[in-house]
PDB file of N, CA and C in Angstrom:
ATOM      1  N   MET A   1       0.758  -1.115   0.193  1.00  0.00           N
ATOM      2  CA  MET A   1      -0.186   0.166  -0.055  1.00  0.00           C
ATOM      3  C   MET A   1       0.865   1.385   0.166  1.00  0.00           C
ATOM      4  N   ASN A   2       0.570   2.232  -0.625  1.00  0.00           N
ATOM      5  CA  ASN A   2       1.142   3.346  -0.881  1.00  0.00           C
ATOM      6  C   ASN A   2       0.853   4.681   0.165  1.00  0.00           C
ATOM      7  N   ALA A   3       2.019   5.046   0.985  1.00  0.00           N
ATOM      8  CA  ALA A   3       1.798   5.956   1.861  1.00  0.00           C
ATOM      9  C   ALA A   3       1.178   7.435   1.592  1.00  0.00           C
ATOM     10  N   ASN A   4       1.135   7.479  -0.073  1.00  0.00           N
ATOM     11  CA  ASN A   4       0.513   8.536  -0.319  1.00  0.00           C
ATOM     12  C   ASN A   4      -1.236   8.326  -0.707  1.00  0.00           C
ATOM     13  N   PRO A   5      -2.228   8.777  -0.333  1.00  0.00           N
ATOM     14  CA  PRO A   5      -3.485   8.307  -0.577  1.00  0.00           C
ATOM     15  C   PRO A   5      -3.942   8.337  -1.776  1.00  0.00           C
ATOM     16  N   ASN A   6      -3.236   9.376  -3.116  1.00  0.00           N
ATOM     17  CA  ASN A   6      -3.292   9.711  -4.238  1.00  0.00           C
ATOM     18  C   ASN A   6      -2.923   8.831  -5.293  1.00  0.00           C
ATOM     19  N   GLN A   7      -2.153   7.698  -4.453  1.00  0.00           N
ATOM     20  CA  GLN A   7      -1.410   6.588  -5.400  1.00  0.00           C
ATOM     21  C   GLN A   7      -2.192   5.534  -5.133  1.00  0.00           C
ATOM     22  N   ARG A   8      -3.131   5.638  -4.090  1.00  0.00           N
ATOM     23  CA  ARG A   8      -3.308   3.821  -3.414  1.00  0.00           C
ATOM     24  C   ARG A   8      -4.510   3.692  -4.327  1.00  0.00           C
ATOM     25  N   PRO A   9      -4.963   2.651  -5.005  1.00  0.00           N
ATOM     26  CA  PRO A   9      -6.054   1.839  -5.540  1.00  0.00           C
ATOM     27  C   PRO A   9      -7.171   2.890  -4.800  1.00  0.00           C
ATOM     28  N   ILE A  10      -8.168   3.222  -5.861  1.00  0.00           N
ATOM     29  CA  ILE A  10      -9.685   3.077  -5.498  1.00  0.00           C
ATOM     30  C   ILE A  10     -10.814   2.334  -5.245  1.00  0.00           C
ATOM     31  N   VAL A  11     -11.778   2.353  -4.397  1.00  0.00           N
ATOM     32  CA  VAL A  11     -12.468   0.711  -4.718  1.00  0.00           C
ATOM     33  C   VAL A  11     -13.072   0.008  -5.671  1.00  0.00           C
ATOM     34  N   ASP A  12     -13.317   0.841  -6.726  1.00  0.00           N
ATOM     35  CA  ASP A  12     -13.415   0.199  -8.051  1.00  0.00           C
ATOM     36  C   ASP A  12     -12.015  -0.280  -8.717  1.00  0.00           C
ATOM     37  N   GLU A  13     -11.053  -0.316  -8.276  1.00  0.00           N
ATOM     38  CA  GLU A  13      -9.660  -0.933  -9.006  1.00  0.00           C
ATOM     39  C   GLU A  13      -9.706  -1.992  -7.853  1.00  0.00           C
ATOM     40  N   LEU A  14      -9.599  -1.704  -6.842  1.00  0.00           N
ATOM     41  CA  LEU A  14      -9.694  -3.159  -5.643  1.00  0.00           C
ATOM     42  C   LEU A  14     -10.693  -4.108  -6.138  1.00  0.00           C
ATOM     43  N   ASN A  15     -12.099  -3.128  -6.265  1.00  0.00           N
ATOM     44  CA  ASN A  15     -12.856  -4.718  -6.581  1.00  0.00           C
ATOM     45  C   ASN A  15     -12.227  -5.380  -7.818  1.00  0.00           C
ATOM     46  N   GLY A  16     -12.006  -4.703  -8.607  1.00  0.00           N
ATOM     47  CA  GLY A  16     -11.141  -5.602 -10.224  1.00  0.00           C
ATOM     48  C   GLY A  16     -10.082  -6.563  -9.953  1.00  0.00           C
ATOM     49  N   ILE A  17      -9.371  -5.832  -8.893  1.00  0.00           N
ATOM     50  CA  ILE A  17      -7.895  -6.874  -8.696  1.00  0.00           C
ATOM     51  C   ILE A  17      -8.605  -8.435  -7.863  1.00  0.00           C
ATOM     52  N   LEU A  18      -9.708  -8.186  -6.594  1.00  0.00           N
ATOM     53  CA  LEU A  18      -9.722  -9.092  -6.299  1.00  0.00           C
ATOM     54  C   LEU A  18     -10.452  -9.998  -7.111  1.00  0.00           C
ATOM     55  N   HIS A  19     -11.837  -9.688  -8.071  1.00  0.00           N
ATOM     56  CA  HIS A  19     -12.374 -10.076  -8.944  1.00  0.00           C
ATOM     57  C   HIS A  19     -11.443 -11.087  -9.839  1.00  0.00           C
ATOM     58  N   PHE A  20     -10.235 -10.361 -10.640  1.00  0.00           N
ATOM     59  CA  PHE A  20      -9.469 -10.867 -11.063  1.00  0.00           C
ATOM     60  C   PHE A  20      -8.795 -12.042 -10.241  1.00  0.00           C
ATOM     61  N   TRP A  21      -8.401 -12.350  -9.174  1.00  0.00           N
ATOM     62  CA  TRP A  21      -7.792 -12.848  -8.284  1.00  0.00           C
ATOM     63  C   TRP A  21      -9.071 -14.319  -7.913  1.00  0.00           C
ATOM     64  N   HIS A  22      -9.952 -14.097  -7.575  1.00  0.00           N
ATOM     65  CA  HIS A  22     -11.360 -14.951  -7.718  1.00  0.00           C
ATOM     66  C   HIS A  22     -11.160 -15.581  -8.703  1.00  0.00           C
ATOM     67  N   GLN A  23     -11.134 -14.711 -10.098  1.00  0.00           N
ATOM     68  CA  GLN A  23     -11.280 -15.613 -11.068  1.00  0.00           C
ATOM     69  C   GLN A  23     -10.146 -16.498 -11.585  1.00  0.00           C
ATOM     70  N   SER A  24      -8.827 -16.071 -11.534  1.00  0.00           N
ATOM     71  CA  SER A  24      -7.381 -16.846 -11.728  1.00  0.00           C
ATOM     72  C   SER A  24      -7.944 -18.023 -10.698  1.00  0.00           C
ATOM     73  N   ILE A  25      -8.083 -18.087  -9.726  1.00  0.00           N
ATOM     74  CA  ILE A  25      -8.089 -19.146  -8.942  1.00  0.00           C
ATOM     75  C   ILE A  25      -9.507 -20.399  -9.554  1.00  0.00           C
ATOM     76  N   ASN A  26     -10.421 -19.804  -9.129  1.00  0.00           N
ATOM     77  CA  ASN A  26     -12.063 -20.959  -9.398  1.00  0.00           C
ATOM     78  C   ASN A  26     -11.988 -20.657 -11.282  1.00  0.00           C
ATOM     79  N   ASN A  27     -11.505 -20.109 -11.523  1.00  0.00           N
ATOM     80  CA  ASN A  27     -11.835 -20.153 -13.219  1.00  0.00           C
ATOM     81  C   ASN A  27     -10.262 -20.485 -14.206  1.00  0.00           C
ATOM     82  N   TYR A  28      -9.122 -21.239 -13.002  1.00  0.00           N
ATOM     83  CA  TYR A  28      -8.212 -21.383 -13.694  1.00  0.00           C
ATOM     84  C   TYR A  28      -7.744 -21.250 -15.416  1.00  0.00           C
ATOM     85  N   GLU A  29      -8.528 -22.476 -15.816  1.00  0.00           N
ATOM     86  CA  GLU A  29      -8.025 -22.459 -17.325  1.00  0.00           C
ATOM     87  C   GLU A  29      -8.244 -21.739 -17.571  1.00  0.00           C
ATOM     88  N   LYS A  30      -9.537 -20.740 -17.976  1.00  0.00           N
ATOM     89  CA  LYS A  30     -10.021 -19.533 -18.050  1.00  0.00           C
ATOM     90  C   LYS A  30      -9.168 -18.559 -18.032  1.00  0.00           C
ATOM     91  N   TYR A  31      -8.402 -18.069 -17.156  1.00  0.00           N
ATOM     92  CA  TYR A  31      -7.828 -16.781 -16.647  1.00  0.00           C
ATOM     93  C   TYR A  31      -6.141 -17.329 -16.512  1.00  0.00           C
ATOM     94  N   LYS A  32      -5.777 -18.583 -16.715  1.00  0.00           N
ATOM     95  CA  LYS A  32      -4.111 -18.209 -16.644  1.00  0.00           C
ATOM     96  C   LYS A  32      -3.293 -17.847 -17.269  1.00  0.00           C
ATOM     97  N   ASP A  33      -3.874 -17.642 -18.162  1.00  0.00           N
ATOM     98  CA  ASP A  33      -2.608 -16.729 -19.885  1.00  0.00           C
ATOM     99  C   ASP A  33      -3.458 -15.583 -19.660  1.00  0.00           C
ATOM    100  N   ILE A  34      -4.420 -14.662 -18.637  1.00  0.00           N
ATOM    101  CA  ILE A  34      -4.770 -13.806 -18.974  1.00  0.00           C
ATOM    102  C   ILE A  34      -3.823 -12.718 -18.091  1.00  0.00           C
ATOM    103  N   LYS A  35      -3.562 -11.500 -18.488  1.00  0.00           N
ATOM    104  CA  LYS A  35      -2.769 -10.493 -17.645  1.00  0.00           C
ATOM    105  C   LYS A  35      -3.614  -9.179 -17.567  1.00  0.00           C
ATOM    106  N   GLU A  36      -3.592  -9.241 -15.993  1.00  0.00           N
ATOM    107  CA  GLU A  36      -4.119  -7.896 -15.447  1.00  0.00           C
ATOM    108  C   GLU A  36      -3.259  -7.346 -14.470  1.00  0.00           C
ATOM    109  N   PHE A  37      -3.327  -6.661 -14.120  1.00  0.00           N
ATOM    110  CA  PHE A  37      -2.964  -5.912 -13.049  1.00  0.00           C
ATOM    111  C   PHE A  37      -1.299  -6.302 -12.453  1.00  0.00           C
ATOM    112  N   GLU A  38      -1.116  -6.510 -13.764  1.00  0.00           N
ATOM    113  CA  GLU A  38       0.620  -6.852 -14.006  1.00  0.00           C
ATOM    114  C   GLU A  38       0.813  -7.974 -13.726  1.00  0.00           C
ATOM    115  N   TYR A  39      -0.375  -8.858 -13.749  1.00  0.00           N
ATOM    116  CA  TYR A  39       0.164 -10.287 -13.388  1.00  0.00           C
ATOM    117  C   TYR A  39      -0.868 -11.322 -14.143  1.00  0.00           C
ATOM    118  N   TYR A  40      -0.377 -12.566 -14.725  1.00  0.00           N
ATOM    119  CA  TYR A  40      -1.194 -13.371 -14.927  1.00  0.00           C
ATOM    120  C   TYR A  40      -1.895 -14.381 -14.345  1.00  0.00           C
ATOM    121  N   GLY A  41      -3.203 -14.641 -14.837  1.00  0.00           N
ATOM    122  CA  GLY A  41      -3.835 -15.526 -13.710  1.00  0.00           C
ATOM    123  C   GLY A  41      -3.145 -16.600 -13.285  1.00  0.00           C
ATOM    124  N   LYS A  42      -2.267 -17.588 -13.838  1.00  0.00           N
ATOM    125  CA  LYS A  42      -1.549 -18.812 -13.267  1.00  0.00           C
ATOM    126  C   LYS A  42      -0.374 -17.788 -12.142  1.00  0.00           C
ATOM    127  N   GLU A  43      -0.180 -16.786 -12.241  1.00  0.00           N
ATOM    128  CA  GLU A  43       0.887 -16.612 -10.976  1.00  0.00           C
ATOM    129  C   GLU A  43       0.362 -15.902  -9.713  1.00  0.00           C
ATOM    130  N   ILE A  44      -1.044 -15.658 -10.069  1.00  0.00           N
ATOM    131  CA  ILE A  44      -1.974 -15.321  -9.027  1.00  0.00           C
ATOM    132  C   ILE A  44      -2.063 -16.540  -8.248  1.00  0.00           C
ATOM    133  N   LYS A  45      -2.746 -17.526  -9.220  1.00  0.00           N
ATOM    134  CA  LYS A  45      -2.949 -18.849  -8.475  1.00  0.00           C
ATOM    135  C   LYS A  45      -1.900 -19.403  -7.804  1.00  0.00           C
ATOM    136  N   GLU A  46      -0.399 -19.672  -8.121  1.00  0.00           N
ATOM    137  CA  GLU A  46       0.984 -19.910  -7.797  1.00  0.00           C
ATOM    138  C   GLU A  46       1.063 -19.239  -6.165  1.00  0.00           C
ATOM    139  N   ALA A  47       0.829 -18.174  -6.311  1.00  0.00           N
ATOM    140  CA  ALA A  47       1.062 -17.041  -5.161  1.00  0.00           C
ATOM    141  C   ALA A  47       0.097 -17.583  -3.915  1.00  0.00           C
ATOM    142  N   PHE A  48      -1.055 -17.707  -4.597  1.00  0.00           N
ATOM    143  CA  PHE A  48      -1.985 -18.397  -3.189  1.00  0.00           C
ATOM    144  C   PHE A  48      -1.650 -19.816  -2.821  1.00  0.00           C
ATOM    145  N   GLU A  49      -1.546 -20.576  -3.928  1.00  0.00           N
ATOM    146  CA  GLU A  49      -1.070 -21.585  -3.024  1.00  0.00           C
ATOM    147  C   GLU A  49       0.002 -21.863  -2.721  1.00  0.00           C
ATOM    148  N   GLU A  50       1.197 -20.883  -2.597  1.00  0.00           N
ATOM    149  CA  GLU A  50       2.311 -21.290  -2.055  1.00  0.00           C
ATOM    150  C   GLU A  50       2.100 -20.712  -0.590  1.00  0.00           C
ATOM    151  N   ALA A  51       1.083 -19.076  -0.409  1.00  0.00           N
ATOM    152  CA  ALA A  51       0.752 -18.872   0.693  1.00  0.00           C
ATOM    153  C   ALA A  51      -0.075 -20.285   1.430  1.00  0.00           C
ATOM    154  N   ASP A  52      -1.065 -20.816   0.763  1.00  0.00           N
ATOM    155  CA  ASP A  52      -1.806 -21.894   1.485  1.00  0.00           C
ATOM    156  C   ASP A  52      -0.781 -22.856   2.472  1.00  0.00           C
ATOM    157  N   LYS A  53       0.460 -23.291   1.585  1.00  0.00           N
ATOM    158  CA  LYS A  53       1.513 -23.762   2.519  1.00  0.00           C
ATOM    159  C   LYS A  53       2.012 -23.570   3.322  1.00  0.00           C
ATOM    160  N   GLU A  54       2.206 -22.337   3.692  1.00  0.00           N
ATOM    161  CA  GLU A  54       2.482 -21.572   4.688  1.00  0.00           C
ATOM    162  C   GLU A  54       1.819 -21.442   5.589  1.00  0.00           C
ATOM    163  N   ILE A  55       0.650 -21.630   5.845  1.00  0.00           N
ATOM    164  CA  ILE A  55      -0.653 -20.890   7.270  1.00  0.00           C
ATOM    165  C   ILE A  55      -0.600 -21.788   8.378  1.00  0.00           C
ATOM    166  N   PRO A  56      -0.011 -23.360   7.834  1.00  0.00           N
ATOM    167  CA  PRO A  56       0.003 -23.941   9.182  1.00  0.00           C
ATOM    168  C   PRO A  56       1.282 -23.617   9.867  1.00  0.00           C
ATOM    169  N   ASN A  57       2.481 -22.771   9.294  1.00  0.00           N
ATOM    170  CA  ASN A  57       4.020 -22.379   9.855  1.00  0.00           C
ATOM    171  C   ASN A  57       3.022 -21.232  10.732  1.00  0.00           C
ATOM    172  N   ILE A  58       2.177 -20.223  10.612  1.00  0.00           N
ATOM    173  CA  ILE A  58       1.778 -19.075  11.247  1.00  0.00           C
ATOM    174  C   ILE A  58       1.716 -19.380  12.345  1.00  0.00           C
ATOM    175  N   SER A  59       2.125 -18.456  13.574  1.00  0.00           N
ATOM    176  CA  SER A  59       1.371 -19.055  14.998  1.00  0.00           C
ATOM    177  C   SER A  59       0.628 -18.116  15.359  1.00  0.00           C
ATOM    178  N   ILE A  60      -0.331 -18.284  15.891  1.00  0.00           N
ATOM    179  CA  ILE A  60      -1.266 -16.986  15.977  1.00  0.00           C
ATOM    180  C   ILE A  60      -1.404 -16.994  17.738  1.00  0.00           C
ATOM    181  N   SER A  61      -0.704 -17.428  18.209  1.00  0.00           N
ATOM    182  CA  SER A  61      -0.625 -16.959  19.358  1.00  0.00           C
ATOM    183  C   SER A  61      -0.081 -15.986  20.210  1.00  0.00           C
ATOM    184  N   ARG A  62      -0.746 -15.311  21.419  1.00  0.00           N
ATOM    185  CA  ARG A  62      -0.080 -14.500  21.411  1.00  0.00           C
ATOM    186  C   ARG A  62       0.671 -14.335  22.872  1.00  0.00           C
ATOM    187  N   LYS A  63       1.433 -13.287  22.853  1.00  0.00           N
ATOM    188  CA  LYS A  63       2.595 -13.930  23.909  1.00  0.00           C
ATOM    189  C   LYS A  63       1.618 -12.479  25.289  1.00  0.00           C
ATOM    190  N   ILE A  64       1.673 -13.348  26.495  1.00  0.00           N
ATOM    191  CA  ILE A  64       1.055 -12.930  27.281  1.00  0.00           C
ATOM    192  C   ILE A  64       2.291 -11.965  28.201  1.00  0.00           C
ATOM    193  N   ASN A  65       2.294 -10.948  28.471  1.00  0.00           N
ATOM    194  CA  ASN A  65       3.096 -10.256  29.616  1.00  0.00           C
ATOM    195  C   ASN A  65       2.172  -9.951  30.948  1.00  0.00           C
ATOM    196  N   PRO A  66       3.341 -10.801  31.194  1.00  0.00           N
ATOM    197  CA  PRO A  66       2.892 -11.097  33.035  1.00  0.00           C
ATOM    198  C   PRO A  66       2.964  -9.890  33.870  1.00  0.00           C
ATOM    199  N   ASP A  67       3.318  -8.705  33.259  1.00  0.00           N
ATOM    200  CA  ASP A  67       3.653  -7.784  34.439  1.00  0.00           C
ATOM    201  C   ASP A  67       2.789  -6.794  34.065  1.00  0.00           C
ATOM    202  N   ALA A  68       1.782  -7.237  32.618  1.00  0.00           N
ATOM    203  CA  ALA A  68       0.502  -5.897  31.833  1.00  0.00           C
ATOM    204  C   ALA A  68      -0.574  -6.705  32.895  1.00  0.00           C
ATOM    205  N   ILE A  69      -1.248  -5.442  33.056  1.00  0.00           N
ATOM    206  CA  ILE A  69      -2.660  -5.334  33.523  1.00  0.00           C
ATOM    207  C   ILE A  69      -3.847  -5.680  32.245  1.00  0.00           C
ATOM    208  N   TYR A  70      -4.471  -6.687  32.164  1.00  0.00           N
ATOM    209  CA  TYR A  70      -5.080  -6.862  31.265  1.00  0.00           C
ATOM    210  C   TYR A  70      -7.029  -6.731  31.743  1.00  0.00           C
ATOM    211  N   THR A  71      -8.095  -5.770  31.029  1.00  0.00           N
ATOM    212  CA  THR A  71      -8.829  -5.693  31.320  1.00  0.00           C
ATOM    213  C   THR A  71     -10.000  -6.123  30.359  1.00  0.00           C
ATOM    214  N   LYS A  72     -10.930  -6.573  30.479  1.00  0.00           N
ATOM    215  CA  LYS A  72     -12.199  -6.850  29.692  1.00  0.00           C
ATOM    216  C   LYS A  72     -13.091  -5.658  28.908  1.00  0.00           C
ATOM    217  N   ILE A  73     -12.871  -5.692  28.199  1.00  0.00           N
ATOM    218  CA  ILE A  73     -13.880  -4.345  27.479  1.00  0.00           C
ATOM    219  C   ILE A  73     -15.793  -4.681  27.421  1.00  0.00           C
ATOM    220  N   PRO A  74     -16.131  -3.654  28.201  1.00  0.00           N
ATOM    221  CA  PRO A  74     -17.692  -3.906  28.457  1.00  0.00           C
ATOM    222  C   PRO A  74     -18.767  -4.235  27.096  1.00  0.00           C
ATOM    223  N   SER A  75     -18.858  -5.226  26.996  1.00  0.00           N
ATOM    224  CA  SER A  75     -20.211  -5.312  25.961  1.00  0.00           C
ATOM    225  C   SER A  75     -21.029  -4.125  25.514  1.00  0.00           C
ATOM    226  N   SER A  76     -21.508  -4.322  24.490  1.00  0.00           N
ATOM    227  CA  SER A  76     -22.451  -2.579  24.076  1.00  0.00           C
ATOM    228  C   SER A  76     -23.651  -3.159  25.254  1.00  0.00           C
ATOM    229  N   SER A  77     -24.035  -4.249  25.435  1.00  0.00           N
ATOM    230  CA  SER A  77     -25.211  -4.222  26.705  1.00  0.00           C
ATOM    231  C   SER A  77     -24.874  -3.771  27.904  1.00  0.00           C
ATOM    232  N   GLN A  78     -23.782  -4.011  27.958  1.00  0.00           N
ATOM    233  CA  GLN A  78     -22.971  -3.394  29.728  1.00  0.00           C
ATOM    234  C   GLN A  78     -22.916  -2.011  29.539  1.00  0.00           C
ATOM    235  N   LEU A  79     -22.573  -1.633  28.608  1.00  0.00           N
ATOM    236  CA  LEU A  79     -22.508  -0.303  28.486  1.00  0.00           C
ATOM    237  C   LEU A  79     -23.653   0.601  28.389  1.00  0.00           C
ATOM    238  N   ARG A  80     -24.637   0.008  27.844  1.00  0.00           N
ATOM    239  CA  ARG A  80     -26.282   0.745  28.015  1.00  0.00           C
ATOM    240  C   ARG A  80     -26.839   0.359  29.356  1.00  0.00           C
ATOM    241  N   GLY A  81     -26.350  -0.138  30.201  1.00  0.00           N
ATOM    242  CA  GLY A  81     -26.797  -0.431  31.579  1.00  0.00           C
ATOM    243  C   GLY A  81     -27.876  -1.988  31.714  1.00  0.00           C
ATOM    244  N   ASN A  82     -27.812  -2.593  30.864  1.00  0.00           N
ATOM    245  CA  ASN A  82     -28.469  -3.745  30.826  1.00  0.00           C
ATOM    246  C   ASN A  82     -27.649  -4.577  31.837  1.00  0.00           C
ATOM    247  N   ILE A  83     -26.793  -4.349  31.697  1.00  0.00           N
ATOM    248  CA  ILE A  83     -26.030  -5.405  32.982  1.00  0.00           C
ATOM    249  C   ILE A  83     -25.483  -4.614  33.988  1.00  0.00           C
ATOM    250  N   ASP A  84     -25.516  -4.278  35.216  1.00  0.00           N
ATOM    251  CA  ASP A  84     -24.358  -3.605  36.064  1.00  0.00           C
ATOM    252  C   ASP A  84     -22.936  -4.254  35.981  1.00  0.00           C
ATOM    253  N   ILE A  85     -22.184  -3.596  35.710  1.00  0.00           N
ATOM    254  CA  ILE A  85     -20.512  -3.870  35.318  1.00  0.00           C
ATOM    255  C   ILE A  85     -19.936  -3.611  36.704  1.00  0.00           C
ATOM    256  N   TYR A  86     -20.385  -3.327  37.684  1.00  0.00           N
ATOM    257  CA  TYR A  86     -19.594  -2.890  38.971  1.00  0.00           C
ATOM    258  C   TYR A  86     -19.771  -3.166  39.927  1.00  0.00           C
ATOM    259  N   ASP A  87     -20.791  -4.786  39.435  1.00  0.00           N
ATOM    260  CA  ASP A  87     -21.164  -5.826  40.280  1.00  0.00           C
ATOM    261  C   ASP A  87     -19.754  -7.052  40.739  1.00  0.00           C
TER     262      ASP A  87
END
């Protein structure tokens, strides 16, 4: 993502990119040799397949700081006064 907002894609461009990615994966035979947004459909599919291999290796556990004070954020019903959060 570009730091300059004027050089970022607009919603319609993002929609087009995501649509091309979706079609490159789900309609591979039709889109594998089509080039849009500087990439061929086959490159998109290969990138997603490679990323899928890495997903099991990604740690989603959070490290807990024993010196930190963790608090629960009140739910919207608690904020509306339906439940007394001070009991």
